[in-house]
């Protein structure tokens, strides 16, 4: 694959953007979250989660780069990923606590937040031994989310799943072309994300 195209695909399928897609899909597909909650409130919840679990970790990466603590914002080296992954995990747990105690005590939403925290934390631990793909872990989580909710959703999700699986293959090819990961690291990332999210949500829908 052309390296410019591979870089472009890696950027548009960055975990930050896929996380946002996950949130919208969760609120759209789940009857318990899509009905009975005003649109403004749903958008507030999505923005709140996105701010804490995506934008703040992204700003952390920029701060680390500005202070010279990491080499690049792309986080190519395993060592550069440690602090951003810790920050992301902490903010997922913080968001989980806030929703459980002060905001929307939805078991499905709480399960989603805990699954995300576990995925990032697992990637962090595996990262010490092998540079597992967070891109594919996030896409796997999206597939797991849709698969788990499909049994109760009023929407047809088969084509969405097919599209995400094809996107995952494209992103995997891009990351492989950039020599960011080996094939096993890409597969492991997707499998980890899928099964963690699916198992957390399947019994909650």
C-alpha atoms as a PDB file:
ATOM      1  CA  UNK A   1       0.000   0.000   0.000  1.00  0.00           C
ATOM      2  CA  UNK A   2       1.147   3.522  -0.784  1.00  0.00           C
ATOM      3  CA  UNK A   3       2.609   5.060   2.379  1.00  0.00           C
ATOM      4  CA  UNK A   4       0.719   8.328   2.011  1.00  0.00           C
ATOM      5  CA  UNK A   5      -2.539   6.422   1.701  1.00  0.00           C
ATOM      6  CA  UNK A   6      -1.575   4.240   4.666  1.00  0.00           C
ATOM      7  CA  UNK A   7      -0.896   7.319   6.790  1.00  0.00           C
ATOM      8  CA  UNK A   8      -4.209   8.881   5.735  1.00  0.00           C
ATOM      9  CA  UNK A   9      -6.128   5.720   6.634  1.00  0.00           C
ATOM     10  CA  UNK A  10      -4.343   5.519   9.996  1.00  0.00           C
ATOM     11  CA  UNK A  11      -5.338   9.109  10.767  1.00  0.00           C
ATOM     12  CA  UNK A  12      -9.023   8.892   9.810  1.00  0.00           C
ATOM     13  CA  UNK A  13      -9.349   5.559  11.658  1.00  0.00           C
ATOM     14  CA  UNK A  14      -7.516   6.833  14.729  1.00  0.00           C
ATOM     15  CA  UNK A  15      -8.881   5.388  17.994  1.00  0.00           C
ATOM     16  CA  UNK A  16     -10.078   8.858  19.037  1.00  0.00           C
ATOM     17  CA  UNK A  17     -12.476   8.999  16.084  1.00  0.00           C
ATOM     18  CA  UNK A  18     -13.512   5.345  16.365  1.00  0.00           C
ATOM     19  CA  UNK A  19     -14.283   5.915  20.058  1.00  0.00           C
ATOM     20  CA  UNK A  20     -16.683   8.657  19.032  1.00  0.00           C
ATOM     21  CA  UNK A  21     -18.340   6.300  16.542  1.00  0.00           C
ATOM     22  CA  UNK A  22     -18.666   3.704  19.318  1.00  0.00           C
ATOM     23  CA  UNK A  23     -20.477   6.196  21.530  1.00  0.00           C
ATOM     24  CA  UNK A  24     -22.939   7.198  18.829  1.00  0.00           C
ATOM     25  CA  UNK A  25     -23.617   3.562  17.930  1.00  0.00           C
ATOM     26  CA  UNK A  26     -24.199   2.710  21.591  1.00  0.00           C
ATOM     27  CA  UNK A  27     -26.796   5.455  22.006  1.00  0.00           C
ATOM     28  CA  UNK A  28     -28.415   4.841  18.605  1.00  0.00           C
ATOM     29  CA  UNK A  29     -28.676   1.053  18.647  1.00  0.00           C
ATOM     30  CA  UNK A  30     -29.583   0.429  22.277  1.00  0.00           C
ATOM     31  CA  UNK A  31     -33.314   0.871  22.982  1.00  0.00           C
ATOM     32  CA  UNK A  32     -32.581   1.614  26.647  1.00  0.00           C
ATOM     33  CA  UNK A  33     -30.333   4.543  25.715  1.00  0.00           C
ATOM     34  CA  UNK A  34     -31.958   5.764  22.493  1.00  0.00           C
ATOM     35  CA  UNK A  35     -35.510   6.117  23.834  1.00  0.00           C
ATOM     36  CA  UNK A  36     -36.709   8.208  26.748  1.00  0.00           C
ATOM     37  CA  UNK A  37     -33.602  10.387  26.890  1.00  0.00           C
ATOM     38  CA  UNK A  38     -33.835  13.846  25.260  1.00  0.00           C
ATOM     39  CA  UNK A  39     -31.465  14.402  22.338  1.00  0.00           C
ATOM     40  CA  UNK A  40     -29.678  17.276  24.110  1.00  0.00           C
ATOM     41  CA  UNK A  41     -28.975  15.057  27.104  1.00  0.00           C
ATOM     42  CA  UNK A  42     -27.668  12.231  24.908  1.00  0.00           C
ATOM     43  CA  UNK A  43     -25.367  14.625  23.065  1.00  0.00           C
ATOM     44  CA  UNK A  44     -24.178  15.989  26.413  1.00  0.00           C
ATOM     45  CA  UNK A  45     -23.358  12.486  27.651  1.00  0.00           C
ATOM     46  CA  UNK A  46     -21.499  11.663  24.432  1.00  0.00           C
ATOM     47  CA  UNK A  47     -19.551  14.939  24.537  1.00  0.00           C
ATOM     48  CA  UNK A  48     -18.730  14.444  28.223  1.00  0.00           C
ATOM     49  CA  UNK A  49     -17.382  10.915  27.678  1.00  0.00           C
ATOM     50  CA  UNK A  50     -15.497  11.944  24.548  1.00  0.00           C
ATOM     51  CA  UNK A  51     -13.877  14.878  26.331  1.00  0.00           C
ATOM     52  CA  UNK A  52     -12.651  12.825  29.278  1.00  0.00           C
ATOM     53  CA  UNK A  53     -11.648   9.622  27.514  1.00  0.00           C
ATOM     54  CA  UNK A  54     -10.376  10.895  24.161  1.00  0.00           C
ATOM     55  CA  UNK A  55      -9.584  14.607  24.108  1.00  0.00           C
ATOM     56  CA  UNK A  56      -7.810  14.749  27.471  1.00  0.00           C
ATOM     57  CA  UNK A  57      -5.562  11.761  26.602  1.00  0.00           C
ATOM     58  CA  UNK A  58      -4.853  13.425  23.229  1.00  0.00           C
ATOM     59  CA  UNK A  59      -3.872  16.654  25.001  1.00  0.00           C
ATOM     60  CA  UNK A  60      -1.681  14.567  27.304  1.00  0.00           C
ATOM     61  CA  UNK A  61       0.187  13.244  24.271  1.00  0.00           C
ATOM     62  CA  UNK A  62       0.705  16.788  22.977  1.00  0.00           C
ATOM     63  CA  UNK A  63       1.966  17.895  26.394  1.00  0.00           C
ATOM     64  CA  UNK A  64       4.389  14.965  26.555  1.00  0.00           C
ATOM     65  CA  UNK A  65       5.695  15.854  23.113  1.00  0.00           C
ATOM     66  CA  UNK A  66       6.034  19.527  24.056  1.00  0.00           C
ATOM     67  CA  UNK A  67       8.054  18.625  27.161  1.00  0.00           C
ATOM     68  CA  UNK A  68      10.211  16.160  25.231  1.00  0.00           C
ATOM     69  CA  UNK A  69       8.994  13.143  27.190  1.00  0.00           C
ATOM     70  CA  UNK A  70       8.063  11.283  24.005  1.00  0.00           C
ATOM     71  CA  UNK A  71       9.609  11.296  20.546  1.00  0.00           C
ATOM     72  CA  UNK A  72       6.505  11.777  18.382  1.00  0.00           C
ATOM     73  CA  UNK A  73       2.752  12.137  18.843  1.00  0.00           C
ATOM     74  CA  UNK A  74       2.317   9.013  16.705  1.00  0.00           C
ATOM     75  CA  UNK A  75       3.574   6.917  19.651  1.00  0.00           C
ATOM     76  CA  UNK A  76       5.587   4.533  17.517  1.00  0.00           C
ATOM     77  CA  UNK A  77       7.733   3.368  20.429  1.00  0.00           C
ATOM     78  CA  UNK A  78       6.316   1.110  23.131  1.00  0.00           C
ATOM     79  CA  UNK A  79       7.785   3.340  25.830  1.00  0.00           C
ATOM     80  CA  UNK A  80       5.947   6.400  24.491  1.00  0.00           C
ATOM     81  CA  UNK A  81       2.598   4.667  24.919  1.00  0.00           C
ATOM     82  CA  UNK A  82       2.779   3.952  28.632  1.00  0.00           C
ATOM     83  CA  UNK A  83       1.693   7.315  30.092  1.00  0.00           C
ATOM     84  CA  UNK A  84      -1.067   8.010  27.512  1.00  0.00           C
ATOM     85  CA  UNK A  85      -2.538   4.541  28.080  1.00  0.00           C
ATOM     86  CA  UNK A  86      -2.432   4.980  31.856  1.00  0.00           C
ATOM     87  CA  UNK A  87      -4.137   8.374  31.563  1.00  0.00           C
ATOM     88  CA  UNK A  88      -6.806   6.942  29.266  1.00  0.00           C
ATOM     89  CA  UNK A  89      -7.508   4.031  31.619  1.00  0.00           C
ATOM     90  CA  UNK A  90      -7.769   6.354  34.631  1.00  0.00           C
ATOM     91  CA  UNK A  91     -10.202   8.672  32.865  1.00  0.00           C
ATOM     92  CA  UNK A  92     -12.372   5.774  31.721  1.00  0.00           C
ATOM     93  CA  UNK A  93     -12.603   4.626  35.346  1.00  0.00           C
ATOM     94  CA  UNK A  94     -13.258   8.201  36.498  1.00  0.00           C
ATOM     95  CA  UNK A  95     -16.047   8.533  33.918  1.00  0.00           C
ATOM     96  CA  UNK A  96     -17.480   5.178  35.016  1.00  0.00           C
ATOM     97  CA  UNK A  97     -17.556   6.394  38.627  1.00  0.00           C
ATOM     98  CA  UNK A  98     -19.259   9.667  37.689  1.00  0.00           C
ATOM     99  CA  UNK A  99     -21.976   7.978  35.643  1.00  0.00           C
ATOM    100  CA  UNK A 100     -22.575   5.355  38.299  1.00  0.00           C
ATOM    101  CA  UNK A 101     -22.891   7.794  41.182  1.00  0.00           C
ATOM    102  CA  UNK A 102     -23.969  11.149  39.769  1.00  0.00           C
ATOM    103  CA  UNK A 103     -25.313  10.905  36.219  1.00  0.00           C
ATOM    104  CA  UNK A 104     -26.890   8.041  34.258  1.00  0.00           C
ATOM    105  CA  UNK A 105     -26.713   4.687  36.094  1.00  0.00           C
ATOM    106  CA  UNK A 106     -27.321   2.627  32.944  1.00  0.00           C
ATOM    107  CA  UNK A 107     -25.858  -0.877  33.240  1.00  0.00           C
ATOM    108  CA  UNK A 108     -25.193  -0.941  29.508  1.00  0.00           C
ATOM    109  CA  UNK A 109     -23.309   2.354  29.522  1.00  0.00           C
ATOM    110  CA  UNK A 110     -21.405   1.365  32.671  1.00  0.00           C
ATOM    111  CA  UNK A 111     -20.490  -1.954  31.054  1.00  0.00           C
ATOM    112  CA  UNK A 112     -19.265  -0.129  27.964  1.00  0.00           C
ATOM    113  CA  UNK A 113     -17.055   2.212  30.001  1.00  0.00           C
ATOM    114  CA  UNK A 114     -15.606  -0.635  32.050  1.00  0.00           C
ATOM    115  CA  UNK A 115     -14.944  -2.676  28.895  1.00  0.00           C
ATOM    116  CA  UNK A 116     -13.095   0.283  27.355  1.00  0.00           C
ATOM    117  CA  UNK A 117     -11.011   0.710  30.508  1.00  0.00           C
ATOM    118  CA  UNK A 118     -10.128  -2.989  30.486  1.00  0.00           C
ATOM    119  CA  UNK A 119      -9.215  -2.934  26.786  1.00  0.00           C
ATOM    120  CA  UNK A 120      -6.860   0.023  27.196  1.00  0.00           C
ATOM    121  CA  UNK A 121      -5.353  -1.436  30.374  1.00  0.00           C
ATOM    122  CA  UNK A 122      -4.853  -4.815  28.674  1.00  0.00           C
ATOM    123  CA  UNK A 123      -3.179  -3.116  25.709  1.00  0.00           C
ATOM    124  CA  UNK A 124      -0.947  -1.290  28.189  1.00  0.00           C
ATOM    125  CA  UNK A 125       0.145  -4.541  29.856  1.00  0.00           C
ATOM    126  CA  UNK A 126       0.681  -6.384  26.571  1.00  0.00           C
ATOM    127  CA  UNK A 127       2.546  -3.351  25.257  1.00  0.00           C
ATOM    128  CA  UNK A 128       5.449  -4.148  27.605  1.00  0.00           C
ATOM    129  CA  UNK A 129       6.013  -7.370  25.665  1.00  0.00           C
ATOM    130  CA  UNK A 130       4.546  -6.711  22.214  1.00  0.00           C
ATOM    131  CA  UNK A 131       3.306  -3.534  20.512  1.00  0.00           C
ATOM    132  CA  UNK A 132      -0.297  -4.627  20.103  1.00  0.00           C
ATOM    133  CA  UNK A 133      -2.431  -2.454  17.812  1.00  0.00           C
ATOM    134  CA  UNK A 134      -4.750  -0.026  19.593  1.00  0.00           C
ATOM    135  CA  UNK A 135      -6.232   0.868  16.178  1.00  0.00           C
ATOM    136  CA  UNK A 136      -7.457  -2.686  15.686  1.00  0.00           C
ATOM    137  CA  UNK A 137      -8.425  -3.094  19.338  1.00  0.00           C
ATOM    138  CA  UNK A 138     -10.765  -0.102  18.993  1.00  0.00           C
ATOM    139  CA  UNK A 139     -12.252  -1.391  15.748  1.00  0.00           C
ATOM    140  CA  UNK A 140     -12.683  -4.810  17.332  1.00  0.00           C
ATOM    141  CA  UNK A 141     -14.490  -3.161  20.247  1.00  0.00           C
ATOM    142  CA  UNK A 142     -16.825  -1.435  17.792  1.00  0.00           C
ATOM    143  CA  UNK A 143     -17.627  -4.784  16.159  1.00  0.00           C
ATOM    144  CA  UNK A 144     -18.154  -6.353  19.577  1.00  0.00           C
ATOM    145  CA  UNK A 145     -20.469  -3.539  20.629  1.00  0.00           C
ATOM    146  CA  UNK A 146     -22.666  -3.825  17.540  1.00  0.00           C
ATOM    147  CA  UNK A 147     -22.724  -7.637  17.731  1.00  0.00           C
ATOM    148  CA  UNK A 148     -23.794  -7.583  21.384  1.00  0.00           C
ATOM    149  CA  UNK A 149     -26.549  -5.010  20.881  1.00  0.00           C
ATOM    150  CA  UNK A 150     -27.845  -6.489  17.614  1.00  0.00           C
ATOM    151  CA  UNK A 151     -30.215  -8.876  19.435  1.00  0.00           C
ATOM    152  CA  UNK A 152     -32.255  -6.015  20.918  1.00  0.00           C
ATOM    153  CA  UNK A 153     -31.748  -3.252  18.376  1.00  0.00           C
ATOM    154  CA  UNK A 154     -34.576  -2.212  16.070  1.00  0.00           C
ATOM    155  CA  UNK A 155     -32.028  -1.502  13.329  1.00  0.00           C
ATOM    156  CA  UNK A 156     -30.504  -3.907  10.832  1.00  0.00           C
ATOM    157  CA  UNK A 157     -26.806  -4.062  11.716  1.00  0.00           C
ATOM    158  CA  UNK A 158     -25.433  -6.713   9.339  1.00  0.00           C
ATOM    159  CA  UNK A 159     -24.249  -4.218   6.755  1.00  0.00           C
ATOM    160  CA  UNK A 160     -22.694  -2.050   9.449  1.00  0.00           C
ATOM    161  CA  UNK A 161     -20.737  -5.043  10.732  1.00  0.00           C
ATOM    162  CA  UNK A 162     -19.600  -5.967   7.236  1.00  0.00           C
ATOM    163  CA  UNK A 163     -18.463  -2.389   6.641  1.00  0.00           C
ATOM    164  CA  UNK A 164     -16.533  -2.233   9.919  1.00  0.00           C
ATOM    165  CA  UNK A 165     -14.867  -5.591   9.275  1.00  0.00           C
ATOM    166  CA  UNK A 166     -13.784  -4.388   5.834  1.00  0.00           C
ATOM    167  CA  UNK A 167     -12.548  -1.124   7.375  1.00  0.00           C
ATOM    168  CA  UNK A 168     -10.622  -3.140   9.967  1.00  0.00           C
ATOM    169  CA  UNK A 169      -8.902  -5.076   7.188  1.00  0.00           C
ATOM    170  CA  UNK A 170      -8.047  -1.827   5.422  1.00  0.00           C
ATOM    171  CA  UNK A 171      -6.678  -0.233   8.586  1.00  0.00           C
ATOM    172  CA  UNK A 172      -4.729  -3.389   9.379  1.00  0.00           C
ATOM    173  CA  UNK A 173      -3.167  -3.320   5.915  1.00  0.00           C
ATOM    174  CA  UNK A 174      -2.275   0.341   6.393  1.00  0.00           C
ATOM    175  CA  UNK A 175      -0.643  -0.249   9.761  1.00  0.00           C
ATOM    176  CA  UNK A 176       1.233  -3.248   8.382  1.00  0.00           C
ATOM    177  CA  UNK A 177       2.439  -1.226   5.377  1.00  0.00           C
ATOM    178  CA  UNK A 178       3.739   1.450   7.742  1.00  0.00           C
ATOM    179  CA  UNK A 179       5.581  -1.292   9.673  1.00  0.00           C
ATOM    180  CA  UNK A 180       3.829  -0.093  12.810  1.00  0.00           C
ATOM    181  CA  UNK A 181       2.774  -3.634  13.731  1.00  0.00           C
ATOM    182  CA  UNK A 182       3.246  -7.246  12.761  1.00  0.00           C
ATOM    183  CA  UNK A 183       0.298  -9.295  11.517  1.00  0.00           C
ATOM    184  CA  UNK A 184      -0.012 -11.083  14.869  1.00  0.00           C
ATOM    185  CA  UNK A 185      -0.134  -7.756  16.736  1.00  0.00           C
ATOM    186  CA  UNK A 186      -2.951  -6.589  14.479  1.00  0.00           C
ATOM    187  CA  UNK A 187      -4.975  -9.794  14.886  1.00  0.00           C
ATOM    188  CA  UNK A 188      -4.428  -9.821  18.640  1.00  0.00           C
ATOM    189  CA  UNK A 189      -5.612  -6.222  18.934  1.00  0.00           C
ATOM    190  CA  UNK A 190      -8.845  -6.912  17.059  1.00  0.00           C
ATOM    191  CA  UNK A 191      -9.580 -10.131  18.974  1.00  0.00           C
ATOM    192  CA  UNK A 192      -8.911  -8.466  22.330  1.00  0.00           C
ATOM    193  CA  UNK A 193     -11.173  -5.510  21.553  1.00  0.00           C
ATOM    194  CA  UNK A 194     -13.976  -7.632  20.121  1.00  0.00           C
ATOM    195  CA  UNK A 195     -14.266 -10.242  22.832  1.00  0.00           C
ATOM    196  CA  UNK A 196     -13.780  -7.844  25.742  1.00  0.00           C
ATOM    197  CA  UNK A 197     -16.550  -5.542  24.539  1.00  0.00           C
ATOM    198  CA  UNK A 198     -18.861  -8.364  23.453  1.00  0.00           C
ATOM    199  CA  UNK A 199     -18.578 -10.297  26.707  1.00  0.00           C
ATOM    200  CA  UNK A 200     -19.144  -7.189  28.819  1.00  0.00           C
ATOM    201  CA  UNK A 201     -22.249  -6.066  26.927  1.00  0.00           C
ATOM    202  CA  UNK A 202     -23.906  -9.290  25.802  1.00  0.00           C
ATOM    203  CA  UNK A 203     -25.535 -10.031  29.166  1.00  0.00           C
ATOM    204  CA  UNK A 204     -26.497  -6.392  29.757  1.00  0.00           C
ATOM    205  CA  UNK A 205     -28.621  -5.696  26.681  1.00  0.00           C
END
